[in-house]
C-alpha atoms as a PDB file:
ATOM      1  CA  UNK A   1     -23.119-135.095  40.710  1.00  0.00           C
ATOM      2  CA  UNK A   2     -22.930-132.782  37.658  1.00  0.00           C
ATOM      3  CA  UNK A   3     -25.509-130.262  36.536  1.00  0.00           C
ATOM      4  CA  UNK A   4     -26.777-132.590  33.819  1.00  0.00           C
ATOM      5  CA  UNK A   5     -27.039-135.584  36.018  1.00  0.00           C
ATOM      6  CA  UNK A   6     -28.928-133.602  38.622  1.00  0.00           C
ATOM      7  CA  UNK A   7     -31.231-132.201  35.965  1.00  0.00           C
ATOM      8  CA  UNK A   8     -31.872-135.700  34.624  1.00  0.00           C
ATOM      9  CA  UNK A   9     -32.606-137.018  38.234  1.00  0.00           C
ATOM     10  CA  UNK A  10     -34.983-134.258  38.963  1.00  0.00           C
ATOM     11  CA  UNK A  11     -36.816-134.346  35.716  1.00  0.00           C
ATOM     12  CA  UNK A  12     -37.366-138.132  36.138  1.00  0.00           C
ATOM     13  CA  UNK A  13     -38.853-137.524  39.582  1.00  0.00           C
ATOM     14  CA  UNK A  14     -41.068-134.820  38.335  1.00  0.00           C
ATOM     15  CA  UNK A  15     -42.129-136.996  35.354  1.00  0.00           C
ATOM     16  CA  UNK A  16     -43.074-139.909  37.762  1.00  0.00           C
ATOM     17  CA  UNK A  17     -44.886-137.528  40.157  1.00  0.00           C
ATOM     18  CA  UNK A  18     -46.899-135.828  37.385  1.00  0.00           C
ATOM     19  CA  UNK A  19     -47.391-138.827  35.030  1.00  0.00           C
ATOM     20  CA  UNK A  20     -46.124-136.792  32.128  1.00  0.00           C
ATOM     21  CA  UNK A  21     -43.389-137.478  29.727  1.00  0.00           C
ATOM     22  CA  UNK A  22     -40.256-135.457  29.826  1.00  0.00           C
ATOM     23  CA  UNK A  23     -40.844-133.745  26.468  1.00  0.00           C
ATOM     24  CA  UNK A  24     -44.359-132.771  27.585  1.00  0.00           C
ATOM     25  CA  UNK A  25     -43.040-131.221  30.765  1.00  0.00           C
ATOM     26  CA  UNK A  26     -40.536-129.194  28.760  1.00  0.00           C
ATOM     27  CA  UNK A  27     -42.676-128.180  25.730  1.00  0.00           C
ATOM     28  CA  UNK A  28     -46.364-128.530  26.106  1.00  0.00           C
ATOM     29  CA  UNK A  29     -48.542-125.601  27.224  1.00  0.00           C
ATOM     30  CA  UNK A  30     -51.432-127.607  28.712  1.00  0.00           C
ATOM     31  CA  UNK A  31     -52.019-126.414  32.446  1.00  0.00           C
ATOM     32  CA  UNK A  32     -50.756-129.788  33.778  1.00  0.00           C
ATOM     33  CA  UNK A  33     -47.598-129.623  31.926  1.00  0.00           C
ATOM     34  CA  UNK A  34     -46.914-125.973  32.913  1.00  0.00           C
ATOM     35  CA  UNK A  35     -47.571-127.029  36.543  1.00  0.00           C
ATOM     36  CA  UNK A  36     -45.000-129.791  36.206  1.00  0.00           C
ATOM     37  CA  UNK A  37     -42.499-127.343  34.568  1.00  0.00           C
ATOM     38  CA  UNK A  38     -42.813-124.929  37.407  1.00  0.00           C
ATOM     39  CA  UNK A  39     -42.140-127.744  39.900  1.00  0.00           C
ATOM     40  CA  UNK A  40     -39.209-128.830  37.934  1.00  0.00           C
ATOM     41  CA  UNK A  41     -37.748-125.250  37.935  1.00  0.00           C
ATOM     42  CA  UNK A  42     -38.500-124.716  41.631  1.00  0.00           C
ATOM     43  CA  UNK A  43     -36.746-127.940  42.547  1.00  0.00           C
ATOM     44  CA  UNK A  44     -33.723-127.284  40.328  1.00  0.00           C
ATOM     45  CA  UNK A  45     -33.584-123.566  41.518  1.00  0.00           C
ATOM     46  CA  UNK A  46     -32.527-124.891  44.973  1.00  0.00           C
ATOM     47  CA  UNK A  47     -29.170-125.764  43.588  1.00  0.00           C
ATOM     48  CA  UNK A  48     -28.792-124.219  40.171  1.00  0.00           C
ATOM     49  CA  UNK A  49     -28.844-120.772  38.747  1.00  0.00           C
ATOM     50  CA  UNK A  50     -31.318-119.738  36.201  1.00  0.00           C
ATOM     51  CA  UNK A  51     -28.745-119.925  33.426  1.00  0.00           C
ATOM     52  CA  UNK A  52     -27.727-123.414  34.466  1.00  0.00           C
ATOM     53  CA  UNK A  53     -31.383-124.530  34.516  1.00  0.00           C
ATOM     54  CA  UNK A  54     -31.820-123.030  31.000  1.00  0.00           C
ATOM     55  CA  UNK A  55     -28.864-124.739  29.584  1.00  0.00           C
ATOM     56  CA  UNK A  56     -29.728-128.001  31.045  1.00  0.00           C
ATOM     57  CA  UNK A  57     -33.344-127.931  29.906  1.00  0.00           C
ATOM     58  CA  UNK A  58     -33.384-125.931  26.704  1.00  0.00           C
ATOM     59  CA  UNK A  59     -35.738-123.436  28.145  1.00  0.00           C
ATOM     60  CA  UNK A  60     -35.158-119.788  27.989  1.00  0.00           C
ATOM     61  CA  UNK A  61     -33.600-117.934  30.859  1.00  0.00           C
ATOM     62  CA  UNK A  62     -36.653-115.580  30.901  1.00  0.00           C
ATOM     63  CA  UNK A  63     -39.119-118.594  31.104  1.00  0.00           C
ATOM     64  CA  UNK A  64     -36.978-120.145  33.943  1.00  0.00           C
ATOM     65  CA  UNK A  65     -37.018-116.889  35.746  1.00  0.00           C
ATOM     66  CA  UNK A  66     -40.723-116.321  35.425  1.00  0.00           C
ATOM     67  CA  UNK A  67     -41.522-119.901  36.634  1.00  0.00           C
ATOM     68  CA  UNK A  68     -39.205-119.506  39.607  1.00  0.00           C
ATOM     69  CA  UNK A  69     -40.527-116.080  40.639  1.00  0.00           C
ATOM     70  CA  UNK A  70     -44.190-116.919  40.253  1.00  0.00           C
ATOM     71  CA  UNK A  71     -44.221-120.396  41.658  1.00  0.00           C
ATOM     72  CA  UNK A  72     -45.595-119.258  45.026  1.00  0.00           C
ATOM     73  CA  UNK A  73     -48.463-117.398  43.442  1.00  0.00           C
ATOM     74  CA  UNK A  74     -49.178-120.455  41.177  1.00  0.00           C
ATOM     75  CA  UNK A  75     -49.334-122.674  44.279  1.00  0.00           C
ATOM     76  CA  UNK A  76     -52.060-120.533  45.783  1.00  0.00           C
ATOM     77  CA  UNK A  77     -54.431-121.203  42.923  1.00  0.00           C
ATOM     78  CA  UNK A  78     -53.340-124.749  41.935  1.00  0.00           C
ATOM     79  CA  UNK A  79     -54.178-126.907  44.826  1.00  0.00           C
ATOM     80  CA  UNK A  80     -52.013-129.924  43.857  1.00  0.00           C
ATOM     81  CA  UNK A  81     -48.992-127.933  42.794  1.00  0.00           C
ATOM     82  CA  UNK A  82     -47.510-127.619  46.373  1.00  0.00           C
ATOM     83  CA  UNK A  83     -48.142-131.296  47.053  1.00  0.00           C
ATOM     84  CA  UNK A  84     -46.319-132.336  43.894  1.00  0.00           C
ATOM     85  CA  UNK A  85     -43.443-130.012  44.736  1.00  0.00           C
ATOM     86  CA  UNK A  86     -43.154-131.520  48.330  1.00  0.00           C
ATOM     87  CA  UNK A  87     -43.368-135.120  46.858  1.00  0.00           C
ATOM     88  CA  UNK A  88     -40.577-134.378  44.343  1.00  0.00           C
ATOM     89  CA  UNK A  89     -38.331-132.809  47.089  1.00  0.00           C
ATOM     90  CA  UNK A  90     -38.811-135.910  49.263  1.00  0.00           C
ATOM     91  CA  UNK A  91     -37.992-138.317  46.468  1.00  0.00           C
ATOM     92  CA  UNK A  92     -34.892-136.324  45.392  1.00  0.00           C
END
């Protein structure tokens, strides 16, 4: 499976788990969208580099790096985030 195919599969899973559209996950700044974006990056980061995630998603490398590095801290304050992450990993 190529990078783009993997990205498409994961964003579909995150979209279903969060109930948000793909464009909202990638571009909206509402808290629920940011949470979904962090989950997306966390799942993708298990197999792709920051640069690969940025190229596939259209996000900046800096944003990908920030999301990846602060995911654990965000999970501590956002109760459902860790659950969404685990659900997405199980589906993938």
